[in-house]
C-alpha atoms as a PDB file:
ATOM      1  CA  UNK A   1      -0.307   0.238   0.210  1.00  0.00           C
ATOM      2  CA  UNK A   2       1.348   3.326  -0.906  1.00  0.00           C
ATOM      3  CA  UNK A   3       1.270   6.054   2.102  1.00  0.00           C
ATOM      4  CA  UNK A   4       1.061  10.096   1.169  1.00  0.00           C
ATOM      5  CA  UNK A   5       2.880  11.784   3.028  1.00  0.00           C
ATOM      6  CA  UNK A   6       2.734  15.775   2.940  1.00  0.00           C
ATOM      7  CA  UNK A   7       5.218  17.642   4.263  1.00  0.00           C
ATOM      8  CA  UNK A   8       4.293  21.413   2.904  1.00  0.00           C
ATOM      9  CA  UNK A   9       5.940  24.456   2.749  1.00  0.00           C
ATOM     10  CA  UNK A  10       3.594  26.337   5.594  1.00  0.00           C
ATOM     11  CA  UNK A  11       3.566  23.531   7.709  1.00  0.00           C
ATOM     12  CA  UNK A  12       7.358  23.734   7.767  1.00  0.00           C
ATOM     13  CA  UNK A  13       7.956  26.955   7.598  1.00  0.00           C
ATOM     14  CA  UNK A  14       5.673  28.283  10.606  1.00  0.00           C
ATOM     15  CA  UNK A  15       6.827  25.874  12.572  1.00  0.00           C
ATOM     16  CA  UNK A  16      10.280  27.006  13.270  1.00  0.00           C
ATOM     17  CA  UNK A  17      11.967  30.163  15.396  1.00  0.00           C
ATOM     18  CA  UNK A  18      14.301  30.935  12.670  1.00  0.00           C
ATOM     19  CA  UNK A  19      15.650  30.683   9.387  1.00  0.00           C
ATOM     20  CA  UNK A  20      18.776  31.620   7.202  1.00  0.00           C
ATOM     21  CA  UNK A  21      20.164  30.960   3.058  1.00  0.00           C
ATOM     22  CA  UNK A  22      22.734  32.581   1.963  1.00  0.00           C
ATOM     23  CA  UNK A  23      20.607  35.500   0.632  1.00  0.00           C
ATOM     24  CA  UNK A  24      17.969  35.746   3.460  1.00  0.00           C
ATOM     25  CA  UNK A  25      17.663  35.762   7.117  1.00  0.00           C
ATOM     26  CA  UNK A  26      13.785  35.679   7.867  1.00  0.00           C
ATOM     27  CA  UNK A  27      12.146  35.304  11.120  1.00  0.00           C
ATOM     28  CA  UNK A  28       8.792  33.674  11.256  1.00  0.00           C
ATOM     29  CA  UNK A  29       6.128  32.226  13.447  1.00  0.00           C
ATOM     30  CA  UNK A  30       6.581  29.400  15.746  1.00  0.00           C
ATOM     31  CA  UNK A  31       2.901  28.627  16.833  1.00  0.00           C
ATOM     32  CA  UNK A  32       3.061  25.411  15.293  1.00  0.00           C
ATOM     33  CA  UNK A  33       6.352  24.088  15.730  1.00  0.00           C
ATOM     34  CA  UNK A  34       5.994  21.536  18.756  1.00  0.00           C
ATOM     35  CA  UNK A  35       3.018  20.061  16.159  1.00  0.00           C
ATOM     36  CA  UNK A  36       5.592  19.516  13.364  1.00  0.00           C
ATOM     37  CA  UNK A  37       7.851  18.120  16.275  1.00  0.00           C
ATOM     38  CA  UNK A  38       5.181  15.914  16.972  1.00  0.00           C
ATOM     39  CA  UNK A  39       3.446  14.824  13.882  1.00  0.00           C
ATOM     40  CA  UNK A  40       6.784  14.511  11.879  1.00  0.00           C
ATOM     41  CA  UNK A  41       9.742  14.737  13.521  1.00  0.00           C
ATOM     42  CA  UNK A  42       9.903  12.742  16.753  1.00  0.00           C
ATOM     43  CA  UNK A  43       8.292   9.562  14.922  1.00  0.00           C
ATOM     44  CA  UNK A  44       9.279  10.465  11.146  1.00  0.00           C
ATOM     45  CA  UNK A  45       5.503   9.449  10.081  1.00  0.00           C
ATOM     46  CA  UNK A  46       3.245  12.505  10.185  1.00  0.00           C
ATOM     47  CA  UNK A  47      -0.575  11.906  10.731  1.00  0.00           C
ATOM     48  CA  UNK A  48      -2.422  13.032   7.167  1.00  0.00           C
ATOM     49  CA  UNK A  49      -3.571  16.075   8.867  1.00  0.00           C
ATOM     50  CA  UNK A  50       0.165  17.189   9.581  1.00  0.00           C
ATOM     51  CA  UNK A  51       0.199  19.949   6.255  1.00  0.00           C
ATOM     52  CA  UNK A  52      -3.174  21.617   6.875  1.00  0.00           C
ATOM     53  CA  UNK A  53      -1.757  22.751  10.349  1.00  0.00           C
ATOM     54  CA  UNK A  54      -2.139  26.172  10.981  1.00  0.00           C
ATOM     55  CA  UNK A  55      -0.454  29.329  13.225  1.00  0.00           C
ATOM     56  CA  UNK A  56      -2.330  31.720  14.919  1.00  0.00           C
ATOM     57  CA  UNK A  57       1.392  33.997  14.444  1.00  0.00           C
ATOM     58  CA  UNK A  58       1.493  34.714  10.701  1.00  0.00           C
ATOM     59  CA  UNK A  59       4.900  34.126   8.777  1.00  0.00           C
ATOM     60  CA  UNK A  60       7.119  37.066   8.935  1.00  0.00           C
ATOM     61  CA  UNK A  61       8.489  38.045   5.624  1.00  0.00           C
ATOM     62  CA  UNK A  62       8.601  37.099   2.361  1.00  0.00           C
ATOM     63  CA  UNK A  63       9.442  33.378   1.471  1.00  0.00           C
ATOM     64  CA  UNK A  64       7.911  32.951  -1.657  1.00  0.00           C
ATOM     65  CA  UNK A  65      11.438  32.923  -3.122  1.00  0.00           C
ATOM     66  CA  UNK A  66      11.902  29.211  -2.168  1.00  0.00           C
ATOM     67  CA  UNK A  67       9.233  28.486  -4.658  1.00  0.00           C
ATOM     68  CA  UNK A  68      11.426  29.865  -7.433  1.00  0.00           C
ATOM     69  CA  UNK A  69      14.941  28.642  -6.139  1.00  0.00           C
ATOM     70  CA  UNK A  70      17.284  27.790  -8.174  1.00  0.00           C
ATOM     71  CA  UNK A  71      19.905  26.975  -6.528  1.00  0.00           C
ATOM     72  CA  UNK A  72      21.196  23.761  -4.636  1.00  0.00           C
ATOM     73  CA  UNK A  73      18.944  24.006  -0.991  1.00  0.00           C
ATOM     74  CA  UNK A  74      18.221  21.826   1.669  1.00  0.00           C
ATOM     75  CA  UNK A  75      15.926  22.440   4.894  1.00  0.00           C
ATOM     76  CA  UNK A  76      17.037  21.240   8.095  1.00  0.00           C
ATOM     77  CA  UNK A  77      15.418  21.209  11.272  1.00  0.00           C
ATOM     78  CA  UNK A  78      16.530  20.271  14.508  1.00  0.00           C
ATOM     79  CA  UNK A  79      14.613  19.225  16.795  1.00  0.00           C
ATOM     80  CA  UNK A  80      15.813  19.763  20.772  1.00  0.00           C
ATOM     81  CA  UNK A  81      16.908  23.507  19.355  1.00  0.00           C
ATOM     82  CA  UNK A  82      13.485  23.861  18.070  1.00  0.00           C
ATOM     83  CA  UNK A  83      14.875  25.586  14.833  1.00  0.00           C
ATOM     84  CA  UNK A  84      15.726  25.498  11.366  1.00  0.00           C
ATOM     85  CA  UNK A  85      17.890  26.778   9.080  1.00  0.00           C
ATOM     86  CA  UNK A  86      18.414  26.594   4.899  1.00  0.00           C
ATOM     87  CA  UNK A  87      21.803  24.548   3.676  1.00  0.00           C
ATOM     88  CA  UNK A  88      23.587  25.886   0.785  1.00  0.00           C
ATOM     89  CA  UNK A  89      26.192  23.881  -1.158  1.00  0.00           C
ATOM     90  CA  UNK A  90      29.596  25.165  -0.133  1.00  0.00           C
ATOM     91  CA  UNK A  91      32.175  22.524  -1.306  1.00  0.00           C
ATOM     92  CA  UNK A  92      32.953  18.749  -2.536  1.00  0.00           C
ATOM     93  CA  UNK A  93      36.196  16.714  -0.995  1.00  0.00           C
ATOM     94  CA  UNK A  94      36.264  13.311  -2.745  1.00  0.00           C
ATOM     95  CA  UNK A  95      32.828  11.737  -1.435  1.00  0.00           C
ATOM     96  CA  UNK A  96      31.899  14.050   0.744  1.00  0.00           C
ATOM     97  CA  UNK A  97      30.050  17.105   0.443  1.00  0.00           C
ATOM     98  CA  UNK A  98      29.675  20.221   3.093  1.00  0.00           C
ATOM     99  CA  UNK A  99      26.641  22.459   3.117  1.00  0.00           C
ATOM    100  CA  UNK A 100      26.265  25.642   5.533  1.00  0.00           C
ATOM    101  CA  UNK A 101      24.054  27.654   7.031  1.00  0.00           C
ATOM    102  CA  UNK A 102      24.492  31.646   6.804  1.00  0.00           C
ATOM    103  CA  UNK A 103      25.443  31.676  10.509  1.00  0.00           C
ATOM    104  CA  UNK A 104      28.514  29.616   9.760  1.00  0.00           C
ATOM    105  CA  UNK A 105      27.092  25.912  11.132  1.00  0.00           C
ATOM    106  CA  UNK A 106      28.020  23.153   8.948  1.00  0.00           C
ATOM    107  CA  UNK A 107      26.833  19.708   8.068  1.00  0.00           C
ATOM    108  CA  UNK A 108      29.170  17.251   5.888  1.00  0.00           C
ATOM    109  CA  UNK A 109      27.640  14.647   3.983  1.00  0.00           C
ATOM    110  CA  UNK A 110      28.998  10.934   2.087  1.00  0.00           C
ATOM    111  CA  UNK A 111      25.907  10.184  -0.362  1.00  0.00           C
ATOM    112  CA  UNK A 112      22.601  10.624   1.748  1.00  0.00           C
ATOM    113  CA  UNK A 113      24.880   9.757   5.372  1.00  0.00           C
ATOM    114  CA  UNK A 114      25.436  12.549   7.889  1.00  0.00           C
ATOM    115  CA  UNK A 115      29.262  12.407   8.890  1.00  0.00           C
ATOM    116  CA  UNK A 116      30.320  15.352  10.232  1.00  0.00           C
ATOM    117  CA  UNK A 117      28.541  18.594  12.051  1.00  0.00           C
ATOM    118  CA  UNK A 118      29.828  22.252  13.192  1.00  0.00           C
ATOM    119  CA  UNK A 119      28.481  25.080  15.359  1.00  0.00           C
ATOM    120  CA  UNK A 120      25.522  22.619  17.031  1.00  0.00           C
ATOM    121  CA  UNK A 121      27.005  22.229  20.060  1.00  0.00           C
ATOM    122  CA  UNK A 122      27.780  18.655  21.074  1.00  0.00           C
ATOM    123  CA  UNK A 123      29.273  18.388  16.967  1.00  0.00           C
ATOM    124  CA  UNK A 124      29.813  14.697  15.460  1.00  0.00           C
ATOM    125  CA  UNK A 125      33.592  14.869  14.677  1.00  0.00           C
ATOM    126  CA  UNK A 126      33.163  12.480  11.718  1.00  0.00           C
ATOM    127  CA  UNK A 127      31.396   8.878  10.700  1.00  0.00           C
ATOM    128  CA  UNK A 128      32.237   5.727   9.471  1.00  0.00           C
ATOM    129  CA  UNK A 129      28.707   4.933   7.340  1.00  0.00           C
ATOM    130  CA  UNK A 130      27.589   2.580   5.266  1.00  0.00           C
ATOM    131  CA  UNK A 131      28.061   2.586   1.648  1.00  0.00           C
ATOM    132  CA  UNK A 132      24.221   3.191   0.692  1.00  0.00           C
ATOM    133  CA  UNK A 133      20.892   2.442   1.811  1.00  0.00           C
ATOM    134  CA  UNK A 134      20.089  -1.053   2.018  1.00  0.00           C
ATOM    135  CA  UNK A 135      16.571  -3.004   2.348  1.00  0.00           C
ATOM    136  CA  UNK A 136      17.932  -5.463   4.709  1.00  0.00           C
ATOM    137  CA  UNK A 137      21.142  -6.656   6.661  1.00  0.00           C
ATOM    138  CA  UNK A 138      23.333  -5.546   9.030  1.00  0.00           C
ATOM    139  CA  UNK A 139      26.227  -3.320   9.633  1.00  0.00           C
ATOM    140  CA  UNK A 140      28.444  -1.307  11.739  1.00  0.00           C
ATOM    141  CA  UNK A 141      28.527   2.297  12.115  1.00  0.00           C
ATOM    142  CA  UNK A 142      31.084   4.295  13.763  1.00  0.00           C
ATOM    143  CA  UNK A 143      30.458   8.277  15.257  1.00  0.00           C
ATOM    144  CA  UNK A 144      33.382  10.089  16.609  1.00  0.00           C
ATOM    145  CA  UNK A 145      32.848  13.012  19.184  1.00  0.00           C
ATOM    146  CA  UNK A 146      35.058  14.933  21.112  1.00  0.00           C
ATOM    147  CA  UNK A 147      35.219  13.877  25.167  1.00  0.00           C
ATOM    148  CA  UNK A 148      35.720  16.023  28.278  1.00  0.00           C
ATOM    149  CA  UNK A 149      39.334  16.177  27.080  1.00  0.00           C
ATOM    150  CA  UNK A 150      39.104  17.037  24.045  1.00  0.00           C
ATOM    151  CA  UNK A 151      40.146  13.882  22.466  1.00  0.00           C
ATOM    152  CA  UNK A 152      38.602  12.131  19.820  1.00  0.00           C
ATOM    153  CA  UNK A 153      36.232   9.042  21.202  1.00  0.00           C
ATOM    154  CA  UNK A 154      34.053   6.435  19.169  1.00  0.00           C
ATOM    155  CA  UNK A 155      30.904   5.521  19.427  1.00  0.00           C
ATOM    156  CA  UNK A 156      30.403   1.996  17.778  1.00  0.00           C
ATOM    157  CA  UNK A 157      26.835   1.337  17.100  1.00  0.00           C
ATOM    158  CA  UNK A 158      25.824  -2.519  15.525  1.00  0.00           C
ATOM    159  CA  UNK A 159      22.709  -1.550  13.023  1.00  0.00           C
ATOM    160  CA  UNK A 160      20.413  -3.293  10.429  1.00  0.00           C
ATOM    161  CA  UNK A 161      18.384  -2.551   7.536  1.00  0.00           C
ATOM    162  CA  UNK A 162      14.414  -2.487   7.357  1.00  0.00           C
ATOM    163  CA  UNK A 163      12.014  -1.726   4.137  1.00  0.00           C
ATOM    164  CA  UNK A 164       9.568   0.215   5.371  1.00  0.00           C
ATOM    165  CA  UNK A 165       7.264   0.284   1.922  1.00  0.00           C
ATOM    166  CA  UNK A 166       6.402   2.788  -0.732  1.00  0.00           C
ATOM    167  CA  UNK A 167       4.888   6.114   0.027  1.00  0.00           C
ATOM    168  CA  UNK A 168       4.277   9.518  -1.884  1.00  0.00           C
ATOM    169  CA  UNK A 169       6.457  12.224  -0.173  1.00  0.00           C
ATOM    170  CA  UNK A 170       5.340  16.394  -1.100  1.00  0.00           C
ATOM    171  CA  UNK A 171       7.826  18.533  -0.174  1.00  0.00           C
ATOM    172  CA  UNK A 172       6.470  22.280  -1.113  1.00  0.00           C
ATOM    173  CA  UNK A 173       4.452  22.132  -4.363  1.00  0.00           C
ATOM    174  CA  UNK A 174       5.986  18.990  -5.602  1.00  0.00           C
ATOM    175  CA  UNK A 175       5.219  14.849  -5.026  1.00  0.00           C
ATOM    176  CA  UNK A 176       7.970  12.283  -5.586  1.00  0.00           C
ATOM    177  CA  UNK A 177       7.098   8.225  -5.464  1.00  0.00           C
ATOM    178  CA  UNK A 178       9.555   7.339  -2.635  1.00  0.00           C
ATOM    179  CA  UNK A 179      10.789   3.992  -0.776  1.00  0.00           C
ATOM    180  CA  UNK A 180      11.020   4.515   2.915  1.00  0.00           C
ATOM    181  CA  UNK A 181      13.878   2.663   4.444  1.00  0.00           C
ATOM    182  CA  UNK A 182      14.946   2.593   8.257  1.00  0.00           C
ATOM    183  CA  UNK A 183      18.620   2.108   9.875  1.00  0.00           C
ATOM    184  CA  UNK A 184      18.333   1.255  13.534  1.00  0.00           C
ATOM    185  CA  UNK A 185      21.054   1.002  15.663  1.00  0.00           C
ATOM    186  CA  UNK A 186      22.279  -0.015  19.307  1.00  0.00           C
ATOM    187  CA  UNK A 187      25.402   1.401  21.047  1.00  0.00           C
ATOM    188  CA  UNK A 188      25.576   0.109  24.785  1.00  0.00           C
ATOM    189  CA  UNK A 189      23.077   2.189  26.153  1.00  0.00           C
ATOM    190  CA  UNK A 190      22.145   4.282  23.293  1.00  0.00           C
ATOM    191  CA  UNK A 191      19.752   3.602  20.459  1.00  0.00           C
ATOM    192  CA  UNK A 192      19.008   5.473  17.613  1.00  0.00           C
ATOM    193  CA  UNK A 193      17.254   5.426  14.158  1.00  0.00           C
ATOM    194  CA  UNK A 194      17.463   6.924  10.756  1.00  0.00           C
ATOM    195  CA  UNK A 195      14.821   7.256   8.396  1.00  0.00           C
ATOM    196  CA  UNK A 196      15.559   7.762   4.774  1.00  0.00           C
ATOM    197  CA  UNK A 197      13.294   8.475   1.775  1.00  0.00           C
ATOM    198  CA  UNK A 198      14.445   7.746  -1.771  1.00  0.00           C
ATOM    199  CA  UNK A 199      12.747   8.759  -4.706  1.00  0.00           C
ATOM    200  CA  UNK A 200      13.071   7.041  -7.866  1.00  0.00           C
ATOM    201  CA  UNK A 201      16.374   8.700  -9.429  1.00  0.00           C
ATOM    202  CA  UNK A 202      18.190   7.688  -6.195  1.00  0.00           C
ATOM    203  CA  UNK A 203      18.319  11.010  -4.389  1.00  0.00           C
ATOM    204  CA  UNK A 204      17.205  11.042  -0.710  1.00  0.00           C
ATOM    205  CA  UNK A 205      14.435  14.009  -0.797  1.00  0.00           C
ATOM    206  CA  UNK A 206      13.634  13.464   3.201  1.00  0.00           C
ATOM    207  CA  UNK A 207      16.012  11.897   5.782  1.00  0.00           C
ATOM    208  CA  UNK A 208      15.452  11.953  10.004  1.00  0.00           C
ATOM    209  CA  UNK A 209      19.079  11.319  11.303  1.00  0.00           C
ATOM    210  CA  UNK A 210      21.330  11.332  14.875  1.00  0.00           C
ATOM    211  CA  UNK A 211      23.525  13.720  15.135  1.00  0.00           C
ATOM    212  CA  UNK A 212      24.782  12.509  19.101  1.00  0.00           C
ATOM    213  CA  UNK A 213      22.808  12.654  22.371  1.00  0.00           C
ATOM    214  CA  UNK A 214      23.145  16.481  23.270  1.00  0.00           C
ATOM    215  CA  UNK A 215      22.058  17.307  19.764  1.00  0.00           C
ATOM    216  CA  UNK A 216      19.646  14.596  18.965  1.00  0.00           C
ATOM    217  CA  UNK A 217      17.912  14.279  15.638  1.00  0.00           C
ATOM    218  CA  UNK A 218      17.998  16.652  12.493  1.00  0.00           C
ATOM    219  CA  UNK A 219      15.170  16.257   9.672  1.00  0.00           C
ATOM    220  CA  UNK A 220      16.308  16.594   6.339  1.00  0.00           C
ATOM    221  CA  UNK A 221      14.421  18.042   3.307  1.00  0.00           C
ATOM    222  CA  UNK A 222      15.969  18.373  -0.009  1.00  0.00           C
ATOM    223  CA  UNK A 223      14.622  21.208  -2.281  1.00  0.00           C
ATOM    224  CA  UNK A 224      17.348  21.082  -4.694  1.00  0.00           C
ATOM    225  CA  UNK A 225      20.654  19.291  -4.729  1.00  0.00           C
END
């Protein structure tokens, strides 16, 4: 059965405290942030009416530029920080791509996987990640963090893949036929689950990925790669 997932511009943009891009820095309403977090970010499976959430505080500033944007752009929502930013592509180093916000925070990816962050607090220094998303099987993932002595310490997790199912994913005004995959990991007493939605061209249109215990999860929406 195909499930329709709707995360529209209105639901996304009304739900966050602040957002920024390389060209713009807008402040918007926050009234439905908790609703978005409960319906989408915490469970990675929004209810059907998530897209119709409204706010008594209207968005401030003209955000219509997103609809006609022609530059690579990713929207990132950080759960625990209750904030959002626009990521612009910065540089590629071999298989690694780094995207940055206007205020200097950055995310590094290897394929669809987040392998590093900067300026979020308890950042992910680096990570060894799978070669690709799979529908089944197991693998080991290692995250590296700075400890109290500013030494790099590894967190090794045993992970397994699950194919959740086919879903229609809507981002802004576009719909994509996607396949939903879940990566479930355990590292001692720490457990986390990453979700990925791949479209027919192989682009991970949406994902929800664990960064660290302090930062928690980030949700990533690819507007234009």
